Protein backbone atom coordinates (compact mmCIF):
# COMPACT_ATOMS: atom_id res chain seq x y z
CA UNK A 1 -13.27 45.01 -11.76
CA UNK A 2 -16.19 42.68 -11.07
CA UNK A 3 -16.08 41.50 -14.69
CA UNK A 4 -12.38 40.73 -14.38
CA UNK A 5 -12.89 38.68 -11.19
CA UNK A 6 -15.81 36.86 -12.79
CA UNK A 7 -13.69 36.11 -15.85
CA UNK A 8 -10.85 34.76 -13.68
CA UNK A 9 -13.28 32.58 -11.72
CA UNK A 10 -14.79 31.14 -14.92
CA UNK A 11 -11.36 30.44 -16.36
CA UNK A 12 -10.32 28.78 -13.12
CA UNK A 13 -13.36 26.52 -13.16
CA UNK A 14 -12.87 25.52 -16.77
CA UNK A 15 -9.30 24.51 -15.97
CA UNK A 16 -10.72 21.85 -13.63
CA UNK A 17 -13.02 20.42 -16.30
CA UNK A 18 -13.61 16.69 -15.81
CA UNK A 19 -13.84 16.20 -19.59
CA UNK A 20 -10.17 17.02 -19.92
CA UNK A 21 -8.63 14.36 -22.23
CA UNK A 22 -5.63 13.97 -19.93
CA UNK A 23 -7.87 12.88 -17.05
CA UNK A 24 -9.70 10.32 -19.23
CA UNK A 25 -6.59 8.31 -20.13
CA UNK A 26 -6.55 5.02 -18.27
CA UNK A 27 -3.74 2.52 -18.41
CA UNK A 28 -3.95 -1.18 -17.68
CA UNK A 29 -1.14 -3.50 -16.84
CA UNK A 30 -1.81 -7.16 -17.55
CA UNK A 31 0.10 -9.74 -15.57
CA UNK A 32 0.34 -13.44 -16.39
CA UNK A 33 -0.18 -15.57 -13.31
CA UNK A 34 1.27 -19.08 -13.23
CA UNK A 35 0.21 -21.49 -10.48
CA UNK A 36 2.89 -23.65 -8.92
CA UNK A 37 3.51 -27.02 -10.58
CA UNK A 38 2.64 -28.79 -7.33
CA UNK A 39 -0.96 -27.64 -7.76
CA UNK A 40 -1.36 -29.76 -10.90
CA UNK A 41 -1.32 -33.05 -9.03
CA UNK A 42 -3.74 -35.49 -10.63
CA UNK A 43 -2.53 -39.04 -10.05
CA UNK A 44 -3.34 -41.53 -12.79
CA UNK A 45 -3.81 -45.25 -12.45
CA UNK A 46 -1.57 -46.45 -15.26
CA UNK A 47 -2.20 -50.18 -15.14
CA UNK A 48 -5.28 -52.16 -14.26
CA UNK A 49 -5.35 -55.79 -13.20
CA UNK A 50 -6.55 -58.32 -15.76
CA UNK A 51 -10.30 -58.04 -15.82
CA UNK A 52 -10.79 -61.73 -16.65
CA UNK A 53 -9.42 -62.92 -13.31
CA UNK A 54 -10.30 -60.10 -10.91
CA UNK A 55 -11.35 -60.98 -7.40
CA UNK A 56 -13.76 -58.90 -5.37
CA UNK A 57 -10.87 -57.59 -3.26
CA UNK A 58 -8.96 -56.43 -6.35
CA UNK A 59 -12.05 -54.66 -7.68
CA UNK A 60 -12.51 -52.95 -4.32
CA UNK A 61 -8.85 -51.86 -4.17
CA UNK A 62 -8.99 -50.52 -7.74
CA UNK A 63 -12.17 -48.55 -7.01
CA UNK A 64 -10.69 -47.19 -3.77
CA UNK A 65 -7.55 -46.08 -5.63
CA UNK A 66 -9.59 -44.39 -8.36
CA UNK A 67 -11.73 -42.65 -5.72
CA UNK A 68 -8.64 -41.43 -3.83
CA UNK A 69 -7.08 -40.14 -7.08
CA UNK A 70 -10.32 -38.32 -7.93
CA UNK A 71 -10.37 -36.56 -4.55
CA UNK A 72 -6.70 -35.55 -4.94
CA UNK A 73 -7.31 -34.18 -8.43
CA UNK A 74 -10.45 -32.32 -7.32
CA UNK A 75 -8.60 -30.63 -4.46
CA UNK A 76 -5.78 -29.68 -6.88
CA UNK A 77 -8.24 -28.04 -9.28
CA UNK A 78 -9.92 -26.20 -6.41
CA UNK A 79 -6.55 -24.92 -5.18
CA UNK A 80 -5.75 -23.63 -8.69
CA UNK A 81 -9.11 -21.84 -8.84
CA UNK A 82 -8.49 -20.28 -5.41
CA UNK A 83 -4.97 -19.26 -6.43
CA UNK A 84 -6.22 -17.56 -9.60
CA UNK A 85 -9.08 -15.85 -7.76
CA UNK A 86 -6.66 -14.51 -5.12
CA UNK A 87 -4.29 -13.32 -7.87
CA UNK A 88 -7.15 -11.54 -9.64
CA UNK A 89 -8.20 -9.80 -6.42
CA UNK A 90 -4.61 -8.78 -5.76
CA UNK A 91 -4.17 -7.37 -9.28
CA UNK A 92 -7.47 -5.47 -9.12
CA UNK A 93 -6.54 -3.90 -5.78
CA UNK A 94 -3.41 -2.30 -7.26
């Protein structure tokens, strides 16, 4: 009787083996994340004044415009990075 109980206990423990192939199967679901088009805002200065006749004020305005466009583009890129990082965290938590 003791041998029978011992045999049942051993069989029961082997049924819970962690090396069971069914428990090793892992599935991944990949999701494509697309940021909103509004995040891709990088203004471009399309035309420059004639460089031969530029005044100091025109140079200053052009530089200020380029600086403002650079800040806008930088914040857009940072918002895309944050969006993708948040999406990655959200996907990993599922």
